Amino acid sequence: MDKQEFSFLVDRSGLRLSQAQKSALFAAYPMFQAMVERATPPMPREAEPSVVFTPEVK
């Protein structure tokens, strides 16, 4: 994503930011994307809550 696309998305979101604020966010954007990729890896089917959860029957 280039700076122009990023600026368009920020403006479209309704945030009223200065050009300096947009530049600061744009500089941090790649680090944020890397964090999201590390934090949300694809999970195997065995990790699905419906497979792991066993209801207690009384």
PDB file of N, CA and C in Angstrom:
ATOM      1  N   MET A   1       0.861  -1.159   0.000  1.00  0.00           N
ATOM      2  CA  MET A   1       0.000   0.000   0.000  1.00  0.00           C
ATOM      3  C   MET A   1       0.916   1.234   0.000  1.00  0.00           C
ATOM      4  N   ASP A   2       0.603   2.154  -0.849  1.00  0.00           N
ATOM      5  CA  ASP A   2       1.404   3.376  -0.883  1.00  0.00           C
ATOM      6  C   ASP A   2       0.756   4.452  -0.007  1.00  0.00           C
ATOM      7  N   LYS A   3       1.466   5.574   0.143  1.00  0.00           N
ATOM      8  CA  LYS A   3       0.999   6.644   1.026  1.00  0.00           C
ATOM      9  C   LYS A   3      -0.340   7.223   0.581  1.00  0.00           C
ATOM     10  N   GLN A   4      -0.544   7.316  -0.714  1.00  0.00           N
ATOM     11  CA  GLN A   4      -1.787   7.893  -1.222  1.00  0.00           C
ATOM     12  C   GLN A   4      -2.982   7.000  -0.878  1.00  0.00           C
ATOM     13  N   GLU A   5      -2.833   5.690  -1.053  1.00  0.00           N
ATOM     14  CA  GLU A   5      -3.912   4.765  -0.697  1.00  0.00           C
ATOM     15  C   GLU A   5      -4.197   4.798   0.801  1.00  0.00           C
ATOM     16  N   PHE A   6      -3.130   4.830   1.590  1.00  0.00           N
ATOM     17  CA  PHE A   6      -3.284   4.884   3.038  1.00  0.00           C
ATOM     18  C   PHE A   6      -4.025   6.158   3.457  1.00  0.00           C
ATOM     19  N   SER A   7      -3.633   7.276   2.871  1.00  0.00           N
ATOM     20  CA  SER A   7      -4.286   8.554   3.171  1.00  0.00           C
ATOM     21  C   SER A   7      -5.768   8.496   2.796  1.00  0.00           C
ATOM     22  N   PHE A   8      -6.081   7.883   1.662  1.00  0.00           N
ATOM     23  CA  PHE A   8      -7.475   7.751   1.229  1.00  0.00           C
ATOM     24  C   PHE A   8      -8.272   6.940   2.250  1.00  0.00           C
ATOM     25  N   LEU A   9      -7.703   5.826   2.730  1.00  0.00           N
ATOM     26  CA  LEU A   9      -8.409   4.992   3.703  1.00  0.00           C
ATOM     27  C   LEU A   9      -8.628   5.728   5.024  1.00  0.00           C
ATOM     28  N   VAL A  10      -7.633   6.492   5.454  1.00  0.00           N
ATOM     29  CA  VAL A  10      -7.777   7.266   6.689  1.00  0.00           C
ATOM     30  C   VAL A  10      -8.875   8.309   6.527  1.00  0.00           C
ATOM     31  N   ASP A  11      -8.857   9.012   5.404  1.00  0.00           N
ATOM     32  CA  ASP A  11      -9.888  10.032   5.160  1.00  0.00           C
ATOM     33  C   ASP A  11     -11.274   9.396   5.085  1.00  0.00           C
ATOM     34  N   ARG A  12     -11.355   8.254   4.449  1.00  0.00           N
ATOM     35  CA  ARG A  12     -12.638   7.567   4.287  1.00  0.00           C
ATOM     36  C   ARG A  12     -13.187   7.075   5.620  1.00  0.00           C
ATOM     37  N   SER A  13     -12.285   6.784   6.560  1.00  0.00           N
ATOM     38  CA  SER A  13     -12.721   6.289   7.864  1.00  0.00           C
ATOM     39  C   SER A  13     -13.367   7.389   8.709  1.00  0.00           C
ATOM     40  N   GLY A  14     -13.167   8.639   8.308  1.00  0.00           N
ATOM     41  CA  GLY A  14     -13.756   9.746   9.057  1.00  0.00           C
ATOM     42  C   GLY A  14     -12.802  10.360  10.065  1.00  0.00           C
ATOM     43  N   LEU A  15     -11.601   9.810  10.174  1.00  0.00           N
ATOM     44  CA  LEU A  15     -10.623  10.394  11.092  1.00  0.00           C
ATOM     45  C   LEU A  15     -10.114  11.708  10.525  1.00  0.00           C
ATOM     46  N   ARG A  16     -10.026  12.689  11.368  1.00  0.00           N
ATOM     47  CA  ARG A  16      -9.500  13.987  10.939  1.00  0.00           C
ATOM     48  C   ARG A  16      -8.078  14.099  11.457  1.00  0.00           C
ATOM     49  N   LEU A  17      -7.130  13.723  10.628  1.00  0.00           N
ATOM     50  CA  LEU A  17      -5.723  13.725  11.008  1.00  0.00           C
ATOM     51  C   LEU A  17      -4.936  14.691  10.143  1.00  0.00           C
ATOM     52  N   SER A  18      -3.895  15.252  10.723  1.00  0.00           N
ATOM     53  CA  SER A  18      -3.003  16.119   9.946  1.00  0.00           C
ATOM     54  C   SER A  18      -2.111  15.237   9.073  1.00  0.00           C
ATOM     55  N   GLN A  19      -1.429  15.869   8.145  1.00  0.00           N
ATOM     56  CA  GLN A  19      -0.525  15.116   7.267  1.00  0.00           C
ATOM     57  C   GLN A  19       0.602  14.477   8.083  1.00  0.00           C
ATOM     58  N   ALA A  20       1.070  15.158   9.120  1.00  0.00           N
ATOM     59  CA  ALA A  20       2.127  14.608   9.978  1.00  0.00           C
ATOM     60  C   ALA A  20       1.639  13.361  10.721  1.00  0.00           C
ATOM     61  N   GLN A  21       0.395  13.390  11.196  1.00  0.00           N
ATOM     62  CA  GLN A  21      -0.169  12.236  11.890  1.00  0.00           C
ATOM     63  C   GLN A  21      -0.332  11.057  10.925  1.00  0.00           C
ATOM     64  N   LYS A  22      -0.796  11.335   9.710  1.00  0.00           N
ATOM     65  CA  LYS A  22      -0.930  10.279   8.708  1.00  0.00           C
ATOM     66  C   LYS A  22       0.419   9.658   8.385  1.00  0.00           C
ATOM     67  N   SER A  23       1.447  10.500   8.280  1.00  0.00           N
ATOM     68  CA  SER A  23       2.793   9.997   7.985  1.00  0.00           C
ATOM     69  C   SER A  23       3.302   9.108   9.113  1.00  0.00           C
ATOM     70  N   ALA A  24       3.048   9.491  10.350  1.00  0.00           N
ATOM     71  CA  ALA A  24       3.484   8.686  11.492  1.00  0.00           C
ATOM     72  C   ALA A  24       2.775   7.333  11.502  1.00  0.00           C
ATOM     73  N   LEU A  25       1.483   7.335  11.234  1.00  0.00           N
ATOM     74  CA  LEU A  25       0.738   6.073  11.171  1.00  0.00           C
ATOM     75  C   LEU A  25       1.192   5.210  10.002  1.00  0.00           C
ATOM     76  N   PHE A  26       1.469   5.839   8.880  1.00  0.00           N
ATOM     77  CA  PHE A  26       1.917   5.100   7.698  1.00  0.00           C
ATOM     78  C   PHE A  26       3.269   4.438   7.961  1.00  0.00           C
ATOM     79  N   ALA A  27       4.136   5.097   8.727  1.00  0.00           N
ATOM     80  CA  ALA A  27       5.440   4.524   9.057  1.00  0.00           C
ATOM     81  C   ALA A  27       5.288   3.288   9.947  1.00  0.00           C
ATOM     82  N   ALA A  28       4.284   3.283  10.811  1.00  0.00           N
ATOM     83  CA  ALA A  28       4.065   2.151  11.716  1.00  0.00           C
ATOM     84  C   ALA A  28       3.221   1.050  11.087  1.00  0.00           C
ATOM     85  N   TYR A  29       2.585   1.314   9.977  1.00  0.00           N
ATOM     86  CA  TYR A  29       1.669   0.366   9.348  1.00  0.00           C
ATOM     87  C   TYR A  29       2.319  -0.987   9.031  1.00  0.00           C
ATOM     88  N   PRO A  30       3.520  -1.050   8.450  1.00  0.00           N
ATOM     89  CA  PRO A  30       4.129  -2.366   8.179  1.00  0.00           C
ATOM     90  C   PRO A  30       4.381  -3.183   9.447  1.00  0.00           C
ATOM     91  N   MET A  31       4.774  -2.521  10.524  1.00  0.00           N
ATOM     92  CA  MET A  31       4.990  -3.242  11.789  1.00  0.00           C
ATOM     93  C   MET A  31       3.666  -3.800  12.309  1.00  0.00           C
ATOM     94  N   PHE A  32       2.613  -3.024  12.201  1.00  0.00           N
ATOM     95  CA  PHE A  32       1.295  -3.477  12.649  1.00  0.00           C
ATOM     96  C   PHE A  32       0.826  -4.674  11.824  1.00  0.00           C
ATOM     97  N   GLN A  33       1.005  -4.613  10.517  1.00  0.00           N
ATOM     98  CA  GLN A  33       0.614  -5.726   9.650  1.00  0.00           C
ATOM     99  C   GLN A  33       1.388  -6.989  10.008  1.00  0.00           C
ATOM    100  N   ALA A  34       2.679  -6.867  10.304  1.00  0.00           N
ATOM    101  CA  ALA A  34       3.483  -8.027  10.696  1.00  0.00           C
ATOM    102  C   ALA A  34       2.975  -8.623  12.005  1.00  0.00           C
ATOM    103  N   MET A  35       2.578  -7.762  12.962  1.00  0.00           N
ATOM    104  CA  MET A  35       2.026  -8.248  14.226  1.00  0.00           C
ATOM    105  C   MET A  35       0.727  -9.003  13.993  1.00  0.00           C
ATOM    106  N   VAL A  36      -0.127  -8.478  13.146  1.00  0.00           N
ATOM    107  CA  VAL A  36      -1.403  -9.130  12.860  1.00  0.00           C
ATOM    108  C   VAL A  36      -1.168 -10.508  12.245  1.00  0.00           C
ATOM    109  N   GLU A  37      -0.224 -10.601  11.320  1.00  0.00           N
ATOM    110  CA  GLU A  37       0.075 -11.886  10.692  1.00  0.00           C
ATOM    111  C   GLU A  37       0.602 -12.897  11.701  1.00  0.00           C
ATOM    112  N   ARG A  38       1.431 -12.446  12.645  1.00  0.00           N
ATOM    113  CA  ARG A  38       1.965 -13.365  13.664  1.00  0.00           C
ATOM    114  C   ARG A  38       0.898 -13.754  14.678  1.00  0.00           C
ATOM    115  N   ALA A  39      -0.008 -12.847  14.986  1.00  0.00           N
ATOM    116  CA  ALA A  39      -1.008 -13.100  16.023  1.00  0.00           C
ATOM    117  C   ALA A  39      -2.195 -13.912  15.524  1.00  0.00           C
ATOM    118  N   THR A  40      -2.419 -13.928  14.241  1.00  0.00           N
ATOM    119  CA  THR A  40      -3.594 -14.629  13.716  1.00  0.00           C
ATOM    120  C   THR A  40      -3.216 -15.655  12.656  1.00  0.00           C
ATOM    121  N   PRO A  41      -2.380 -16.662  13.029  1.00  0.00           N
ATOM    122  CA  PRO A  41      -2.052 -17.688  12.045  1.00  0.00           C
ATOM    123  C   PRO A  41      -3.273 -18.584  11.803  1.00  0.00           C
ATOM    124  N   PRO A  42      -3.325 -19.228  10.656  1.00  0.00           N
ATOM    125  CA  PRO A  42      -4.432 -20.150  10.414  1.00  0.00           C
ATOM    126  C   PRO A  42      -4.408 -21.283  11.445  1.00  0.00           C
ATOM    127  N   MET A  43      -5.544 -21.607  11.977  1.00  0.00           N
ATOM    128  CA  MET A  43      -5.633 -22.648  13.001  1.00  0.00           C
ATOM    129  C   MET A  43      -6.073 -23.966  12.378  1.00  0.00           C
ATOM    130  N   PRO A  44      -5.540 -25.073  12.881  1.00  0.00           N
ATOM    131  CA  PRO A  44      -5.998 -26.379  12.378  1.00  0.00           C
ATOM    132  C   PRO A  44      -7.410 -26.672  12.876  1.00  0.00           C
ATOM    133  N   ARG A  45      -8.071 -27.577  12.224  1.00  0.00           N
ATOM    134  CA  ARG A  45      -9.444 -27.919  12.596  1.00  0.00           C
ATOM    135  C   ARG A  45      -9.536 -28.378  14.046  1.00  0.00           C
ATOM    136  N   GLU A  46      -8.511 -29.041  14.537  1.00  0.00           N
ATOM    137  CA  GLU A  46      -8.531 -29.561  15.909  1.00  0.00           C
ATOM    138  C   GLU A  46      -8.597 -28.444  16.948  1.00  0.00           C
ATOM    139  N   ALA A  47      -8.234 -27.236  16.572  1.00  0.00           N
ATOM    140  CA  ALA A  47      -8.247 -26.111  17.509  1.00  0.00           C
ATOM    141  C   ALA A  47      -9.590 -25.389  17.542  1.00  0.00           C
ATOM    142  N   GLU A  48     -10.521 -25.796  16.725  1.00  0.00           N
ATOM    143  CA  GLU A  48     -11.842 -25.165  16.709  1.00  0.00           C
ATOM    144  C   GLU A  48     -12.553 -25.417  18.030  1.00  0.00           C
ATOM    145  N   PRO A  49     -13.195 -24.412  18.594  1.00  0.00           N
ATOM    146  CA  PRO A  49     -13.878 -24.587  19.880  1.00  0.00           C
ATOM    147  C   PRO A  49     -14.918 -25.702  19.873  1.00  0.00           C
ATOM    148  N   SER A  50     -15.603 -25.880  18.763  1.00  0.00           N
ATOM    149  CA  SER A  50     -16.642 -26.914  18.722  1.00  0.00           C
ATOM    150  C   SER A  50     -16.045 -28.317  18.798  1.00  0.00           C
ATOM    151  N   VAL A  51     -14.814 -28.488  18.390  1.00  0.00           N
ATOM    152  CA  VAL A  51     -14.154 -29.802  18.455  1.00  0.00           C
ATOM    153  C   VAL A  51     -13.527 -29.999  19.820  1.00  0.00           C
ATOM    154  N   VAL A  52     -12.996 -28.946  20.420  1.00  0.00           N
ATOM    155  CA  VAL A  52     -12.287 -29.031  21.701  1.00  0.00           C
ATOM    156  C   VAL A  52     -13.281 -29.117  22.869  1.00  0.00           C
ATOM    157  N   PHE A  53     -14.369 -28.395  22.777  1.00  0.00           N
ATOM    158  CA  PHE A  53     -15.317 -28.287  23.896  1.00  0.00           C
ATOM    159  C   PHE A  53     -16.121 -29.565  24.074  1.00  0.00           C
ATOM    160  N   THR A  54     -16.115 -30.060  25.296  1.00  0.00           N
ATOM    161  CA  THR A  54     -16.945 -31.209  25.637  1.00  0.00           C
ATOM    162  C   THR A  54     -17.891 -30.767  26.753  1.00  0.00           C
ATOM    163  N   PRO A  55     -19.194 -30.742  26.487  1.00  0.00           N
ATOM    164  CA  PRO A  55     -20.129 -30.269  27.514  1.00  0.00           C
ATOM    165  C   PRO A  55     -20.202 -31.251  28.672  1.00  0.00           C
ATOM    166  N   GLU A  56     -20.361 -30.687  29.847  1.00  0.00           N
ATOM    167  CA  GLU A  56     -20.492 -31.525  31.052  1.00  0.00           C
ATOM    168  C   GLU A  56     -21.969 -31.858  31.211  1.00  0.00           C
ATOM    169  N   VAL A  57     -22.257 -33.129  31.207  1.00  0.00           N
ATOM    170  CA  VAL A  57     -23.650 -33.568  31.352  1.00  0.00           C
ATOM    171  C   VAL A  57     -23.852 -34.014  32.797  1.00  0.00           C
ATOM    172  N   LYS A  58     -24.858 -33.421  33.445  1.00  0.00           N
ATOM    173  CA  LYS A  58     -25.136 -33.785  34.845  1.00  0.00           C
ATOM    174  C   LYS A  58     -26.395 -34.589  34.953  1.00  0.00           C
TER     175      LYS A  58
END
